[in-house]
Amino acid sequence: MKKLLVLSTALTAVAFSAGADVTVMSWGGDYTKSQVEAYHKPFTAATGTAVISVDSDNPAPAVKAMVEAGNVTIDVADVEYADAIRLCDDGMLEEIDPAVLPAAPDGTPATDDFLPGALTDCAVTTIVFSTIFAYDTTKFPEGPTTIADFFDLEKFPGKRAMRKGAKANMEMALMADGVPAAEVYAMLETPEGQDRAFAMLDKIKKDTIWWEAGAQPPQLLADGEVAMTTAYNGRIFAAAVGEGKPFGTVWDGQVYEYDLLVIPKGAPNPEGALEFIKFATSTQPLADQAKWISYGPARMSSGPLVGLYQDGKTEMAPFMPTAEANLTNALASSYEFWVDRDAELNERFNAWLVAN
């Protein structure tokens, strides 16, 4: 059955005129590897079209710069939800009609098969990922268990690492300070809530290293430079399960969101880009990506097809952000909040970062 699903997906991609390469910009490391194995190689096998990978610490600013300069060198980019909405609103992305996306194997239209909100005017979601925090189990054998522990230098001494930016950090800071997940964004909309988040970040600022690329947190932990770090859950999974690193993951206070594929305006091969997106976001490839990294597929029909990790023995389901046990105190990132406040809060964050 699995081979038949792959074949039916592949055949939908053969209809376009193959030839020109498709260049895909993504986040690098184990995440890009999962895309190469699940999307790129099968797409090339089905169509004869080569897929070229380009890595970026964050593809969204690169897309913006290329479109504004009128020099777009990529066809597809993998971006976060708020960036997809903002870039689309600014006219920097091609629109994608959801009606052209392949149906589920049982015939369910794509519009009914994707998770809520996963299809937008200009983007198609591939995965659900999460910002969690991880720790070195050799330093803390009993382990931290709550998001508040990340901010507790007395109980859990040692350097921290966090992504260099306001997003997710401010939400986690408020949850660590006792704000229920359901009330976080209402609190962050107020000056008092923002002050409260920065006050929590102040507690660990002098002991924090700021990372910018997804590959950095597991490396910082492995090198012993930090005792705990925020990170993308799939990167920690790949290091812990794939490489045997002594890392523990704390799901309490996780902030989960979507990653999406988009086509920049002025892409060299927009036709090939659309066919690649149709292929990559069909049922089987989304399920196959979960063999390589612990991010949840965005289609409901992909869920039952998620099985074992590439090692052939590790069940992937418990490592997904959307596993029931991992959602006890979890927050869905609000794209509405960040579309409206990203520039303002990052400006404040950057000023705070350099202040004494």
Protein backbone atom coordinates (compact mmCIF):
# COMPACT_ATOMS: atom_id res chain seq x y z
CA MET A 1 0.00 0.00 0.00
CA LYS A 2 2.80 2.39 0.90
CA LYS A 3 4.46 2.00 -2.51
CA LEU A 4 1.14 2.63 -4.21
CA LEU A 5 0.67 5.85 -2.25
CA VAL A 6 4.11 7.06 -3.27
CA LEU A 7 3.43 6.17 -6.89
CA SER A 8 0.09 7.96 -7.00
CA THR A 9 1.70 11.03 -5.48
CA ALA A 10 4.56 10.87 -7.95
CA LEU A 11 2.27 10.66 -10.94
CA THR A 12 0.64 13.97 -10.05
CA ALA A 13 4.04 15.61 -10.41
CA VAL A 14 4.94 14.10 -13.77
CA ALA A 15 2.35 16.19 -15.63
CA PHE A 16 4.47 19.32 -15.66
CA SER A 17 7.38 19.97 -17.99
CA ALA A 18 10.46 18.69 -16.17
CA GLY A 19 13.88 20.06 -16.93
CA ALA A 20 14.76 23.20 -15.01
CA ASP A 21 16.05 22.64 -11.50
CA VAL A 22 14.00 23.60 -8.46
CA THR A 23 15.97 25.44 -5.76
CA VAL A 24 14.62 25.12 -2.22
CA MET A 25 15.82 27.28 0.67
CA SER A 26 15.41 25.79 4.13
CA TRP A 27 16.90 25.80 7.61
CA GLY A 28 19.77 23.32 7.18
CA GLY A 29 21.00 20.49 9.39
CA ASP A 30 18.81 17.53 10.29
CA TYR A 31 15.70 19.41 9.22
CA THR A 32 16.88 19.87 5.64
CA LYS A 33 18.11 16.27 5.65
CA SER A 34 14.57 15.14 6.50
CA GLN A 35 13.23 17.15 3.56
CA VAL A 36 15.88 15.80 1.18
CA GLU A 37 14.98 12.21 2.08
CA ALA A 38 11.21 12.64 2.13
CA TYR A 39 10.64 15.28 -0.57
CA HIS A 40 13.64 16.03 -2.75
CA LYS A 41 14.89 12.57 -3.68
CA PRO A 42 11.43 11.10 -4.37
CA PHE A 43 10.44 14.18 -6.39
CA THR A 44 13.56 13.86 -8.54
CA ALA A 45 12.95 10.14 -8.99
CA ALA A 46 9.37 10.81 -10.10
CA THR A 47 10.00 13.77 -12.40
CA GLY A 48 13.67 13.83 -13.36
CA THR A 49 13.87 17.36 -11.95
CA ALA A 50 16.86 18.03 -9.73
CA VAL A 51 16.22 19.77 -6.40
CA ILE A 52 18.97 22.05 -5.14
CA SER A 53 19.10 22.77 -1.41
CA VAL A 54 20.18 26.15 -0.05
CA ASP A 55 20.57 26.63 3.71
CA SER A 56 19.67 29.73 5.71
CA ASP A 57 19.47 30.61 9.41
CA ASN A 58 16.04 32.01 8.54
CA PRO A 59 14.75 31.98 4.94
CA ALA A 60 12.13 34.73 5.40
CA PRO A 61 14.51 37.73 5.49
CA ALA A 62 16.37 36.28 2.51
CA VAL A 63 13.13 36.04 0.52
CA LYS A 64 12.25 39.63 1.39
CA ALA A 65 15.68 40.90 0.36
CA MET A 66 15.65 38.98 -2.94
CA VAL A 67 12.18 40.14 -3.95
CA GLU A 68 12.91 43.76 -3.04
CA ALA A 69 16.15 43.64 -5.04
CA GLY A 70 14.43 42.01 -8.02
CA ASN A 71 17.00 39.22 -7.94
CA VAL A 72 15.28 36.04 -6.80
CA THR A 73 17.53 32.98 -7.06
CA ILE A 74 15.34 30.39 -5.31
CA ASP A 75 12.02 28.79 -6.23
CA VAL A 76 10.70 27.58 -2.88
CA ALA A 77 11.35 28.68 0.70
CA ASP A 78 10.48 27.10 4.04
CA VAL A 79 9.24 29.81 6.44
CA GLU A 80 7.46 30.23 9.75
CA TYR A 81 3.76 31.03 9.82
CA ALA A 82 3.87 34.70 10.79
CA ASP A 83 6.52 35.33 8.13
CA ALA A 84 4.40 33.58 5.49
CA ILE A 85 1.42 35.81 6.30
CA ARG A 86 3.52 38.99 6.38
CA LEU A 87 5.35 38.25 3.12
CA CYS A 88 2.06 37.39 1.41
CA ASP A 89 0.40 40.57 2.67
CA ASP A 90 3.36 42.56 1.32
CA GLY A 91 2.94 41.03 -2.15
CA MET A 92 6.21 39.12 -2.04
CA LEU A 93 4.81 35.63 -2.60
CA GLU A 94 2.90 33.85 -5.34
CA GLU A 95 -0.62 32.81 -4.37
CA ILE A 96 -1.26 29.06 -4.16
CA ASP A 97 -4.77 27.79 -4.90
CA PRO A 98 -5.48 24.97 -2.40
CA ALA A 99 -7.69 23.33 -5.00
CA VAL A 100 -4.57 22.23 -6.92
CA LEU A 101 -3.15 20.29 -3.95
CA PRO A 102 -3.52 16.49 -4.11
CA ALA A 103 -6.38 14.88 -2.24
CA ALA A 104 -5.79 12.36 0.53
CA PRO A 105 -5.54 8.69 -0.54
CA ASP A 106 -9.20 8.16 0.37
CA GLY A 107 -10.26 11.09 -1.80
CA THR A 108 -10.67 13.66 0.97
CA PRO A 109 -9.93 17.09 -0.55
CA ALA A 110 -6.73 18.73 0.64
CA THR A 111 -8.76 21.59 2.12
CA ASP A 112 -10.39 19.10 4.52
CA ASP A 113 -7.28 17.01 5.13
CA PHE A 114 -4.88 19.67 6.37
CA LEU A 115 -4.87 20.79 9.99
CA PRO A 116 -6.87 23.95 10.79
CA GLY A 117 -5.18 27.08 9.45
CA ALA A 118 -2.51 25.09 7.62
CA LEU A 119 -3.47 26.46 4.19
CA THR A 120 -3.11 30.18 3.54
CA ASP A 121 -3.36 32.35 0.43
CA CYS A 122 0.35 31.97 -0.36
CA ALA A 123 1.63 29.01 1.66
CA VAL A 124 1.16 25.32 2.41
CA THR A 125 2.10 23.87 5.80
CA THR A 126 4.39 20.86 5.99
CA ILE A 127 5.04 20.31 9.68
CA VAL A 128 4.15 21.20 13.23
CA PHE A 129 7.33 22.01 15.15
CA SER A 130 7.96 23.23 18.63
CA THR A 131 10.34 25.40 20.59
CA ILE A 132 11.10 23.44 23.76
CA PHE A 133 13.98 23.50 26.16
CA ALA A 134 16.55 20.79 26.55
CA TYR A 135 19.20 20.03 29.14
CA ASP A 136 22.36 18.03 29.69
CA THR A 137 21.35 14.91 31.63
CA THR A 138 24.90 14.43 32.91
CA LYS A 139 24.59 17.76 34.74
CA PHE A 140 21.03 17.21 35.95
CA PRO A 141 20.33 13.47 36.30
CA GLU A 142 16.98 14.20 37.98
CA GLY A 143 16.30 16.81 35.35
CA PRO A 144 14.30 20.03 35.27
CA THR A 145 10.63 19.38 34.66
CA THR A 146 8.95 22.76 34.17
CA ILE A 147 9.54 25.90 32.15
CA ALA A 148 10.07 27.74 35.46
CA ASP A 149 13.14 25.55 36.04
CA PHE A 150 14.79 27.03 32.96
CA PHE A 151 14.78 30.44 34.65
CA ASP A 152 15.91 29.10 38.05
CA LEU A 153 19.69 29.53 38.19
CA GLU A 154 19.84 28.72 41.88
CA LYS A 155 18.19 25.31 41.65
CA PHE A 156 19.66 24.52 38.22
CA PRO A 157 22.96 26.43 37.87
CA GLY A 158 24.74 26.82 34.55
CA LYS A 159 24.69 28.77 31.32
CA ARG A 160 21.54 28.97 29.22
CA ALA A 161 21.04 29.48 25.49
CA MET A 162 18.03 31.06 23.78
CA ARG A 163 17.16 32.08 20.24
CA LYS A 164 18.17 35.65 19.51
CA GLY A 165 14.76 37.26 19.14
CA ALA A 166 11.55 38.06 20.98
CA LYS A 167 9.34 35.32 19.57
CA ALA A 168 8.85 32.27 21.83
CA ASN A 169 11.22 33.73 24.44
CA MET A 170 8.61 36.17 25.69
CA GLU A 171 5.87 33.55 25.78
CA MET A 172 8.07 31.09 27.65
CA ALA A 173 9.12 33.80 30.10
CA LEU A 174 5.50 34.54 30.99
CA MET A 175 4.61 30.87 31.38
CA ALA A 176 7.65 30.48 33.63
CA ASP A 177 6.30 33.37 35.70
CA GLY A 178 3.01 31.56 36.22
CA VAL A 179 0.84 32.92 33.41
CA PRO A 180 -1.46 30.14 32.07
CA ALA A 181 -0.85 29.32 28.41
CA ALA A 182 -4.39 30.42 27.50
CA GLU A 183 -3.70 33.91 28.88
CA VAL A 184 -0.22 34.53 27.49
CA TYR A 185 -1.10 36.57 24.42
CA ALA A 186 -3.70 38.69 26.20
CA MET A 187 -0.97 39.49 28.71
CA LEU A 188 1.65 40.18 26.02
CA GLU A 189 -0.66 42.65 24.31
CA THR A 190 -0.26 44.96 27.31
CA PRO A 191 2.79 47.05 28.28
CA GLU A 192 2.62 45.44 31.72
CA GLY A 193 2.77 41.96 30.21
CA GLN A 194 5.74 42.86 28.04
CA ASP A 195 7.54 44.37 31.03
CA ARG A 196 6.83 41.19 32.99
CA ALA A 197 8.33 39.01 30.25
CA PHE A 198 11.49 41.11 30.06
CA ALA A 199 11.77 41.05 33.86
CA MET A 200 11.88 37.24 33.71
CA LEU A 201 14.46 37.33 30.92
CA ASP A 202 16.51 39.74 33.04
CA LYS A 203 16.97 36.94 35.59
CA ILE A 204 19.07 34.86 33.20
CA LYS A 205 20.36 37.48 30.74
CA LYS A 206 23.93 37.58 32.05
CA ASP A 207 24.13 33.78 31.91
CA THR A 208 22.63 33.37 28.44
CA ILE A 209 24.21 32.70 25.04
CA TRP A 210 22.05 33.76 22.09
CA TRP A 211 21.75 31.39 19.15
CA GLU A 212 20.59 32.20 15.62
CA ALA A 213 20.74 28.90 13.68
CA GLY A 214 18.77 25.77 14.58
CA ALA A 215 21.91 23.63 14.57
CA GLN A 216 23.53 25.67 17.34
CA PRO A 217 21.58 24.58 20.46
CA PRO A 218 22.49 20.87 20.33
CA GLN A 219 26.07 21.83 19.56
CA LEU A 220 26.19 24.21 22.54
CA LEU A 221 24.90 21.42 24.78
CA ALA A 222 27.29 18.85 23.33
CA ASP A 223 30.27 21.17 23.79
CA GLY A 224 29.33 21.82 27.41
CA GLU A 225 28.98 25.55 26.79
CA VAL A 226 25.49 25.56 28.27
CA ALA A 227 23.55 23.39 30.69
CA MET A 228 20.15 24.16 29.15
CA THR A 229 18.94 25.67 25.90
CA THR A 230 15.76 26.45 24.07
CA ALA A 231 15.71 24.60 20.76
CA TYR A 232 13.56 23.20 18.00
CA ASN A 233 12.33 19.86 19.27
CA GLY A 234 13.41 17.95 16.17
CA ARG A 235 17.02 19.10 16.49
CA ILE A 236 17.23 17.76 20.04
CA PHE A 237 15.55 14.52 19.03
CA ALA A 238 18.06 14.02 16.22
CA ALA A 239 20.97 14.58 18.58
CA ALA A 240 19.60 12.48 21.45
CA VAL A 241 18.10 9.55 19.55
CA GLY A 242 20.04 9.77 16.30
CA GLU A 243 23.47 10.47 17.80
CA GLY A 244 23.10 9.21 21.36
CA LYS A 245 23.76 12.57 23.02
CA PRO A 246 22.82 12.82 26.73
CA PHE A 247 20.04 15.34 26.19
CA GLY A 248 16.66 15.52 27.88
CA THR A 249 13.64 17.40 26.51
CA VAL A 250 11.16 19.33 28.66
CA TRP A 251 7.80 19.79 26.94
CA ASP A 252 6.27 21.94 29.67
CA GLY A 253 5.88 25.45 28.28
CA GLN A 254 6.52 24.43 24.68
CA VAL A 255 5.49 26.87 21.95
CA TYR A 256 4.38 25.02 18.83
CA GLU A 257 3.67 26.35 15.35
CA TYR A 258 3.61 25.57 11.64
CA ASP A 259 6.35 25.71 9.02
CA LEU A 260 5.19 26.33 5.45
CA LEU A 261 6.43 26.23 1.87
CA VAL A 262 6.12 29.38 -0.25
CA ILE A 263 7.06 30.57 -3.75
CA PRO A 264 8.76 34.00 -3.85
CA LYS A 265 7.53 36.47 -6.45
CA GLY A 266 10.00 36.38 -9.33
CA ALA A 267 11.10 32.78 -8.71
CA PRO A 268 13.11 31.47 -11.70
CA ASN A 269 10.95 28.32 -12.00
CA PRO A 270 7.50 29.00 -10.51
CA GLU A 271 5.88 26.11 -12.38
CA GLY A 272 8.40 23.63 -11.03
CA ALA A 273 8.10 25.21 -7.60
CA LEU A 274 4.36 24.60 -7.51
CA GLU A 275 4.74 21.00 -8.61
CA PHE A 276 7.37 20.45 -5.93
CA ILE A 277 5.06 21.87 -3.27
CA LYS A 278 2.16 19.73 -4.46
CA PHE A 279 4.36 16.65 -4.25
CA ALA A 280 6.03 17.49 -0.94
CA THR A 281 2.79 18.30 0.86
CA SER A 282 0.92 15.20 -0.26
CA THR A 283 0.11 12.47 2.26
CA GLN A 284 3.00 10.04 1.97
CA PRO A 285 5.95 12.47 1.79
CA LEU A 286 4.69 14.31 4.88
CA ALA A 287 4.48 11.01 6.74
CA ASP A 288 7.90 9.99 5.45
CA GLN A 289 9.55 13.13 6.79
CA ALA A 290 8.72 11.95 10.31
CA LYS A 291 11.11 9.01 9.78
CA TRP A 292 13.95 11.49 9.90
CA ILE A 293 12.93 14.13 12.43
CA SER A 294 10.25 14.45 15.13
CA TYR A 295 7.99 17.06 13.55
CA GLY A 296 4.32 16.30 13.08
CA PRO A 297 2.87 16.17 9.55
CA ALA A 298 0.30 18.81 8.65
CA ARG A 299 -2.16 16.44 6.98
CA MET A 300 -4.50 14.27 9.01
CA SER A 301 -4.16 11.43 6.51
CA SER A 302 -0.39 11.38 7.14
CA GLY A 303 -0.73 10.76 10.88
CA PRO A 304 -1.59 7.04 10.75
CA LEU A 305 1.33 6.45 8.36
CA VAL A 306 3.90 7.80 10.81
CA GLY A 307 5.79 4.84 12.19
CA LEU A 308 9.37 4.23 13.21
CA TYR A 309 12.43 6.42 13.11
CA GLN A 310 15.12 5.58 10.57
CA ASP A 311 16.75 3.31 13.17
CA GLY A 312 13.84 0.91 12.68
CA LYS A 313 13.02 0.68 16.40
CA THR A 314 12.06 4.07 17.83
CA GLU A 315 8.35 4.90 17.72
CA MET A 316 8.07 8.50 16.55
CA ALA A 317 4.62 9.37 17.91
CA PRO A 318 5.68 10.09 21.53
CA PHE A 319 8.31 12.57 20.30
CA MET A 320 5.86 14.72 18.33
CA PRO A 321 4.87 18.16 19.68
CA THR A 322 1.24 17.16 19.25
CA ALA A 323 1.47 13.96 21.33
CA GLU A 324 -1.17 14.19 24.05
CA ALA A 325 1.35 13.89 26.88
CA ASN A 326 3.37 16.79 25.45
CA LEU A 327 0.43 19.20 25.30
CA THR A 328 -0.27 19.41 29.04
CA ASN A 329 1.05 22.97 29.28
CA ALA A 330 1.65 23.97 25.66
CA LEU A 331 1.05 27.16 23.73
CA ALA A 332 0.07 27.49 20.08
CA SER A 333 2.08 30.38 18.65
CA SER A 334 -0.21 33.22 17.57
CA TYR A 335 0.63 34.36 14.07
CA GLU A 336 -1.88 37.20 14.44
CA PHE A 337 0.06 38.52 17.42
CA TRP A 338 3.46 38.30 15.73
CA VAL A 339 2.35 39.66 12.36
CA ASP A 340 1.25 42.81 14.16
CA ARG A 341 4.03 43.12 16.74
CA ASP A 342 7.13 41.41 15.39
CA ALA A 343 8.99 44.59 14.39
CA GLU A 344 8.07 46.47 17.58
CA LEU A 345 8.98 43.69 20.01
CA ASN A 346 12.17 42.70 18.23
CA GLU A 347 13.28 46.30 18.25
CA ARG A 348 12.74 46.38 21.99
CA PHE A 349 14.41 42.98 22.40
CA ASN A 350 17.52 44.08 20.50
CA ALA A 351 17.75 47.28 22.56
CA TRP A 352 17.35 45.23 25.76
CA LEU A 353 20.06 42.84 24.59
CA VAL A 354 22.74 45.53 24.37
CA ALA A 355 21.64 47.46 27.47
CA ASN A 356 23.57 46.96 30.71
